Amino acid sequence: MTDDIDRACEDEEWFRSQSLDNRDVAASILPFTGECYNCESPIEIGSFCNTDCRDDYDLREKQNKQRV
């Protein structure tokens, strides 16, 4: 029989695993090219011109990994 502490630990582990799955890994490992990796707009720093482009790129990459 599980008690409240066991359920809380299970919830915490689930939230942690979801956070790790959803983190923005792409922006931290993509080399700087001067262009947004999603829309190819010129940028001065980073890998994406805005968070929408980053999110689109991350979603597409996740989908591509699931297809393999």
PDB file of N, CA and C in Angstrom:
ATOM      1  N   MET A   1       0.837  -1.178   0.000  1.00  0.00           N
ATOM      2  CA  MET A   1       0.000   0.000   0.000  1.00  0.00           C
ATOM      3  C   MET A   1       0.888   1.249   0.000  1.00  0.00           C
ATOM      4  N   THR A   2       0.623   2.141  -0.954  1.00  0.00           N
ATOM      5  CA  THR A   2       1.446   3.338  -1.038  1.00  0.00           C
ATOM      6  C   THR A   2       0.851   4.452  -0.186  1.00  0.00           C
ATOM      7  N   ASP A   3       1.727   5.245   0.360  1.00  0.00           N
ATOM      8  CA  ASP A   3       1.251   6.380   1.142  1.00  0.00           C
ATOM      9  C   ASP A   3       1.508   7.673   0.357  1.00  0.00           C
ATOM     10  N   ASP A   4       1.200   8.786   0.949  1.00  0.00           N
ATOM     11  CA  ASP A   4       1.335  10.075   0.277  1.00  0.00           C
ATOM     12  C   ASP A   4       2.772  10.368  -0.133  1.00  0.00           C
ATOM     13  N   ILE A   5       3.720   9.976   0.679  1.00  0.00           N
ATOM     14  CA  ILE A   5       5.129  10.239   0.373  1.00  0.00           C
ATOM     15  C   ILE A   5       5.572   9.433  -0.853  1.00  0.00           C
ATOM     16  N   ASP A   6       5.141   8.182  -0.942  1.00  0.00           N
ATOM     17  CA  ASP A   6       5.475   7.365  -2.117  1.00  0.00           C
ATOM     18  C   ASP A   6       4.877   7.965  -3.384  1.00  0.00           C
ATOM     19  N   ARG A   7       3.631   8.395  -3.318  1.00  0.00           N
ATOM     20  CA  ARG A   7       2.987   9.004  -4.486  1.00  0.00           C
ATOM     21  C   ARG A   7       3.686  10.299  -4.868  1.00  0.00           C
ATOM     22  N   ALA A   8       4.080  11.086  -3.881  1.00  0.00           N
ATOM     23  CA  ALA A   8       4.782  12.336  -4.154  1.00  0.00           C
ATOM     24  C   ALA A   8       6.125  12.065  -4.828  1.00  0.00           C
ATOM     25  N   CYS A   9       6.828  11.045  -4.379  1.00  0.00           N
ATOM     26  CA  CYS A   9       8.110  10.674  -4.995  1.00  0.00           C
ATOM     27  C   CYS A   9       7.914  10.215  -6.437  1.00  0.00           C
ATOM     28  N   GLU A  10       6.865   9.441  -6.675  1.00  0.00           N
ATOM     29  CA  GLU A  10       6.575   8.993  -8.044  1.00  0.00           C
ATOM     30  C   GLU A  10       6.231  10.171  -8.944  1.00  0.00           C
ATOM     31  N   ASP A  11       5.436  11.106  -8.420  1.00  0.00           N
ATOM     32  CA  ASP A  11       5.088  12.304  -9.191  1.00  0.00           C
ATOM     33  C   ASP A  11       6.326  13.131  -9.509  1.00  0.00           C
ATOM     34  N   GLU A  12       7.186  13.288  -8.505  1.00  0.00           N
ATOM     35  CA  GLU A  12       8.406  14.064  -8.709  1.00  0.00           C
ATOM     36  C   GLU A  12       9.282  13.437  -9.786  1.00  0.00           C
ATOM     37  N   GLU A  13       9.431  12.133  -9.743  1.00  0.00           N
ATOM     38  CA  GLU A  13      10.231  11.444 -10.752  1.00  0.00           C
ATOM     39  C   GLU A  13       9.624  11.598 -12.137  1.00  0.00           C
ATOM     40  N   TRP A  14       8.301  11.511 -12.243  1.00  0.00           N
ATOM     41  CA  TRP A  14       7.635  11.671 -13.530  1.00  0.00           C
ATOM     42  C   TRP A  14       7.857  13.085 -14.075  1.00  0.00           C
ATOM     43  N   PHE A  15       7.678  14.105 -13.224  1.00  0.00           N
ATOM     44  CA  PHE A  15       7.881  15.483 -13.664  1.00  0.00           C
ATOM     45  C   PHE A  15       9.331  15.712 -14.082  1.00  0.00           C
ATOM     46  N   ARG A  16      10.269  15.152 -13.367  1.00  0.00           N
ATOM     47  CA  ARG A  16      11.683  15.295 -13.704  1.00  0.00           C
ATOM     48  C   ARG A  16      11.975  14.662 -15.064  1.00  0.00           C
ATOM     49  N   SER A  17      11.440  13.477 -15.307  1.00  0.00           N
ATOM     50  CA  SER A  17      11.695  12.818 -16.586  1.00  0.00           C
ATOM     51  C   SER A  17      11.055  13.603 -17.733  1.00  0.00           C
ATOM     52  N   GLN A  18       9.872  14.177 -17.509  1.00  0.00           N
ATOM     53  CA  GLN A  18       9.233  15.001 -18.539  1.00  0.00           C
ATOM     54  C   GLN A  18      10.062  16.252 -18.820  1.00  0.00           C
ATOM     55  N   SER A  19      10.576  16.861 -17.785  1.00  0.00           N
ATOM     56  CA  SER A  19      11.400  18.054 -17.965  1.00  0.00           C
ATOM     57  C   SER A  19      12.667  17.739 -18.747  1.00  0.00           C
ATOM     58  N   LEU A  20      13.292  16.631 -18.436  1.00  0.00           N
ATOM     59  CA  LEU A  20      14.496  16.239 -19.169  1.00  0.00           C
ATOM     60  C   LEU A  20      14.188  15.936 -20.626  1.00  0.00           C
ATOM     61  N   ASP A  21      13.051  15.323 -20.886  1.00  0.00           N
ATOM     62  CA  ASP A  21      12.659  15.033 -22.260  1.00  0.00           C
ATOM     63  C   ASP A  21      12.359  16.295 -23.046  1.00  0.00           C
ATOM     64  N   ASN A  22      11.883  17.337 -22.380  1.00  0.00           N
ATOM     65  CA  ASN A  22      11.450  18.552 -23.055  1.00  0.00           C
ATOM     66  C   ASN A  22      12.485  19.672 -23.044  1.00  0.00           C
ATOM     67  N   ARG A  23      13.636  19.432 -22.497  1.00  0.00           N
ATOM     68  CA  ARG A  23      14.633  20.503 -22.410  1.00  0.00           C
ATOM     69  C   ARG A  23      15.159  20.868 -23.788  1.00  0.00           C
ATOM     70  N   ASP A  24      15.722  22.044 -23.876  1.00  0.00           N
ATOM     71  CA  ASP A  24      16.227  22.577 -25.139  1.00  0.00           C
ATOM     72  C   ASP A  24      17.684  22.172 -25.312  1.00  0.00           C
ATOM     73  N   VAL A  25      17.885  20.978 -25.819  1.00  0.00           N
ATOM     74  CA  VAL A  25      19.234  20.464 -26.029  1.00  0.00           C
ATOM     75  C   VAL A  25      19.817  21.020 -27.310  1.00  0.00           C
ATOM     76  N   ALA A  26      19.009  21.218 -28.328  1.00  0.00           N
ATOM     77  CA  ALA A  26      19.489  21.632 -29.639  1.00  0.00           C
ATOM     78  C   ALA A  26      20.260  22.944 -29.566  1.00  0.00           C
ATOM     79  N   ALA A  27      19.729  23.919 -28.855  1.00  0.00           N
ATOM     80  CA  ALA A  27      20.378  25.225 -28.804  1.00  0.00           C
ATOM     81  C   ALA A  27      21.750  25.156 -28.147  1.00  0.00           C
ATOM     82  N   SER A  28      21.956  24.199 -27.270  1.00  0.00           N
ATOM     83  CA  SER A  28      23.234  24.132 -26.567  1.00  0.00           C
ATOM     84  C   SER A  28      24.311  23.377 -27.349  1.00  0.00           C
ATOM     85  N   ILE A  29      23.952  22.621 -28.393  1.00  0.00           N
ATOM     86  CA  ILE A  29      24.964  21.847 -29.104  1.00  0.00           C
ATOM     87  C   ILE A  29      25.136  22.248 -30.564  1.00  0.00           C
ATOM     88  N   LEU A  30      24.284  23.123 -31.088  1.00  0.00           N
ATOM     89  CA  LEU A  30      24.396  23.533 -32.477  1.00  0.00           C
ATOM     90  C   LEU A  30      25.470  24.615 -32.616  1.00  0.00           C
ATOM     91  N   PRO A  31      26.372  24.475 -33.565  1.00  0.00           N
ATOM     92  CA  PRO A  31      27.392  25.500 -33.748  1.00  0.00           C
ATOM     93  C   PRO A  31      26.792  26.775 -34.355  1.00  0.00           C
ATOM     94  N   PHE A  32      27.386  27.898 -34.054  1.00  0.00           N
ATOM     95  CA  PHE A  32      26.910  29.177 -34.585  1.00  0.00           C
ATOM     96  C   PHE A  32      27.204  29.254 -36.081  1.00  0.00           C
ATOM     97  N   THR A  33      26.181  29.603 -36.858  1.00  0.00           N
ATOM     98  CA  THR A  33      26.344  29.720 -38.309  1.00  0.00           C
ATOM     99  C   THR A  33      26.021  31.114 -38.824  1.00  0.00           C
ATOM    100  N   GLY A  34      25.420  31.960 -37.980  1.00  0.00           N
ATOM    101  CA  GLY A  34      24.987  33.274 -38.428  1.00  0.00           C
ATOM    102  C   GLY A  34      23.590  33.263 -39.005  1.00  0.00           C
ATOM    103  N   GLU A  35      22.978  32.075 -39.077  1.00  0.00           N
ATOM    104  CA  GLU A  35      21.614  31.939 -39.574  1.00  0.00           C
ATOM    105  C   GLU A  35      20.794  31.109 -38.594  1.00  0.00           C
ATOM    106  N   CYS A  36      19.506  31.427 -38.515  1.00  0.00           N
ATOM    107  CA  CYS A  36      18.582  30.640 -37.700  1.00  0.00           C
ATOM    108  C   CYS A  36      18.500  29.236 -38.282  1.00  0.00           C
ATOM    109  N   TYR A  37      18.594  28.230 -37.443  1.00  0.00           N
ATOM    110  CA  TYR A  37      18.529  26.839 -37.901  1.00  0.00           C
ATOM    111  C   TYR A  37      17.143  26.461 -38.408  1.00  0.00           C
ATOM    112  N   ASN A  38      16.128  27.256 -38.079  1.00  0.00           N
ATOM    113  CA  ASN A  38      14.774  26.924 -38.508  1.00  0.00           C
ATOM    114  C   ASN A  38      14.384  27.683 -39.778  1.00  0.00           C
ATOM    115  N   CYS A  39      14.517  29.004 -39.769  1.00  0.00           N
ATOM    116  CA  CYS A  39      14.021  29.808 -40.895  1.00  0.00           C
ATOM    117  C   CYS A  39      15.129  30.433 -41.736  1.00  0.00           C
ATOM    118  N   GLU A  40      16.375  30.246 -41.320  1.00  0.00           N
ATOM    119  CA  GLU A  40      17.558  30.733 -42.029  1.00  0.00           C
ATOM    120  C   GLU A  40      17.664  32.259 -42.082  1.00  0.00           C
ATOM    121  N   SER A  41      16.976  32.954 -41.175  1.00  0.00           N
ATOM    122  CA  SER A  41      17.126  34.406 -41.065  1.00  0.00           C
ATOM    123  C   SER A  41      18.499  34.717 -40.479  1.00  0.00           C
ATOM    124  N   PRO A  42      19.113  35.834 -40.877  1.00  0.00           N
ATOM    125  CA  PRO A  42      20.410  36.200 -40.283  1.00  0.00           C
ATOM    126  C   PRO A  42      20.262  36.537 -38.798  1.00  0.00           C
ATOM    127  N   ILE A  43      21.186  36.028 -37.984  1.00  0.00           N
ATOM    128  CA  ILE A  43      21.206  36.321 -36.551  1.00  0.00           C
ATOM    129  C   ILE A  43      22.628  36.645 -36.132  1.00  0.00           C
ATOM    130  N   GLU A  44      22.758  37.366 -35.033  1.00  0.00           N
ATOM    131  CA  GLU A  44      24.078  37.757 -34.554  1.00  0.00           C
ATOM    132  C   GLU A  44      24.618  36.842 -33.470  1.00  0.00           C
ATOM    133  N   ILE A  45      23.723  36.245 -32.689  1.00  0.00           N
ATOM    134  CA  ILE A  45      24.150  35.322 -31.636  1.00  0.00           C
ATOM    135  C   ILE A  45      23.173  34.161 -31.560  1.00  0.00           C
ATOM    136  N   GLY A  46      23.597  33.071 -31.005  1.00  0.00           N
ATOM    137  CA  GLY A  46      22.729  31.937 -30.770  1.00  0.00           C
ATOM    138  C   GLY A  46      22.525  31.064 -31.993  1.00  0.00           C
ATOM    139  N   SER A  47      21.491  30.243 -31.931  1.00  0.00           N
ATOM    140  CA  SER A  47      21.180  29.318 -33.006  1.00  0.00           C
ATOM    141  C   SER A  47      19.827  29.587 -33.649  1.00  0.00           C
ATOM    142  N   PHE A  48      18.973  30.368 -32.963  1.00  0.00           N
ATOM    143  CA  PHE A  48      17.625  30.629 -33.458  1.00  0.00           C
ATOM    144  C   PHE A  48      17.306  32.105 -33.300  1.00  0.00           C
ATOM    145  N   CYS A  49      16.412  32.609 -34.176  1.00  0.00           N
ATOM    146  CA  CYS A  49      16.062  34.029 -34.114  1.00  0.00           C
ATOM    147  C   CYS A  49      15.045  34.331 -33.017  1.00  0.00           C
ATOM    148  N   ASN A  50      14.255  33.323 -32.629  1.00  0.00           N
ATOM    149  CA  ASN A  50      13.287  33.516 -31.541  1.00  0.00           C
ATOM    150  C   ASN A  50      12.874  32.153 -30.980  1.00  0.00           C
ATOM    151  N   THR A  51      12.077  32.196 -29.938  1.00  0.00           N
ATOM    152  CA  THR A  51      11.690  30.940 -29.282  1.00  0.00           C
ATOM    153  C   THR A  51      10.752  30.102 -30.139  1.00  0.00           C
ATOM    154  N   ASP A  52       9.947  30.751 -30.992  1.00  0.00           N
ATOM    155  CA  ASP A  52       9.062  29.981 -31.872  1.00  0.00           C
ATOM    156  C   ASP A  52       9.876  29.124 -32.842  1.00  0.00           C
ATOM    157  N   CYS A  53      10.922  29.705 -33.423  1.00  0.00           N
ATOM    158  CA  CYS A  53      11.776  28.939 -34.331  1.00  0.00           C
ATOM    159  C   CYS A  53      12.477  27.806 -33.589  1.00  0.00           C
ATOM    160  N   ARG A  54      12.939  28.088 -32.383  1.00  0.00           N
ATOM    161  CA  ARG A  54      13.590  27.049 -31.581  1.00  0.00           C
ATOM    162  C   ARG A  54      12.633  25.901 -31.296  1.00  0.00           C
ATOM    163  N   ASP A  55      11.407  26.251 -30.886  1.00  0.00           N
ATOM    164  CA  ASP A  55      10.410  25.230 -30.572  1.00  0.00           C
ATOM    165  C   ASP A  55      10.036  24.415 -31.810  1.00  0.00           C
ATOM    166  N   ASP A  56       9.885  25.081 -32.957  1.00  0.00           N
ATOM    167  CA  ASP A  56       9.581  24.367 -34.205  1.00  0.00           C
ATOM    168  C   ASP A  56      10.694  23.392 -34.558  1.00  0.00           C
ATOM    169  N   TYR A  57      11.925  23.853 -34.439  1.00  0.00           N
ATOM    170  CA  TYR A  57      13.084  23.009 -34.746  1.00  0.00           C
ATOM    171  C   TYR A  57      13.144  21.807 -33.802  1.00  0.00           C
ATOM    172  N   ASP A  58      12.960  22.065 -32.503  1.00  0.00           N
ATOM    173  CA  ASP A  58      13.003  20.975 -31.516  1.00  0.00           C
ATOM    174  C   ASP A  58      11.896  19.949 -31.769  1.00  0.00           C
ATOM    175  N   LEU A  59      10.698  20.427 -32.094  1.00  0.00           N
ATOM    176  CA  LEU A  59       9.587  19.520 -32.381  1.00  0.00           C
ATOM    177  C   LEU A  59       9.891  18.657 -33.606  1.00  0.00           C
ATOM    178  N   ARG A  60      10.412  19.277 -34.654  1.00  0.00           N
ATOM    179  CA  ARG A  60      10.759  18.535 -35.871  1.00  0.00           C
ATOM    180  C   ARG A  60      11.845  17.502 -35.591  1.00  0.00           C
ATOM    181  N   GLU A  61      12.839  17.856 -34.788  1.00  0.00           N
ATOM    182  CA  GLU A  61      13.897  16.914 -34.452  1.00  0.00           C
ATOM    183  C   GLU A  61      13.360  15.741 -33.637  1.00  0.00           C
ATOM    184  N   LYS A  62      12.457  16.024 -32.679  1.00  0.00           N
ATOM    185  CA  LYS A  62      11.849  14.942 -31.900  1.00  0.00           C
ATOM    186  C   LYS A  62      11.067  13.998 -32.790  1.00  0.00           C
ATOM    187  N   GLN A  63      10.320  14.561 -33.738  1.00  0.00           N
ATOM    188  CA  GLN A  63       9.532  13.745 -34.651  1.00  0.00           C
ATOM    189  C   GLN A  63      10.437  12.887 -35.533  1.00  0.00           C
ATOM    190  N   ASN A  64      11.542  13.463 -35.981  1.00  0.00           N
ATOM    191  CA  ASN A  64      12.485  12.716 -36.816  1.00  0.00           C
ATOM    192  C   ASN A  64      13.119  11.558 -36.028  1.00  0.00           C
ATOM    193  N   LYS A  65      13.404  11.762 -34.760  1.00  0.00           N
ATOM    194  CA  LYS A  65      13.982  10.703 -33.937  1.00  0.00           C
ATOM    195  C   LYS A  65      12.999   9.569 -33.703  1.00  0.00           C
ATOM    196  N   GLN A  66      11.722   9.907 -33.615  1.00  0.00           N
ATOM    197  CA  GLN A  66      10.701   8.892 -33.387  1.00  0.00           C
ATOM    198  C   GLN A  66      10.478   8.020 -34.631  1.00  0.00           C
ATOM    199  N   ARG A  67      10.749   8.564 -35.804  1.00  0.00           N
ATOM    200  CA  ARG A  67      10.557   7.828 -37.044  1.00  0.00           C
ATOM    201  C   ARG A  67      11.606   6.757 -37.256  1.00  0.00           C
ATOM    202  N   VAL A  68      12.772   6.964 -36.663  1.00  0.00           N
ATOM    203  CA  VAL A  68      13.879   6.028 -36.879  1.00  0.00           C
ATOM    204  C   VAL A  68      13.675   4.725 -36.162  1.00  0.00           C
TER     205      VAL A  68
END
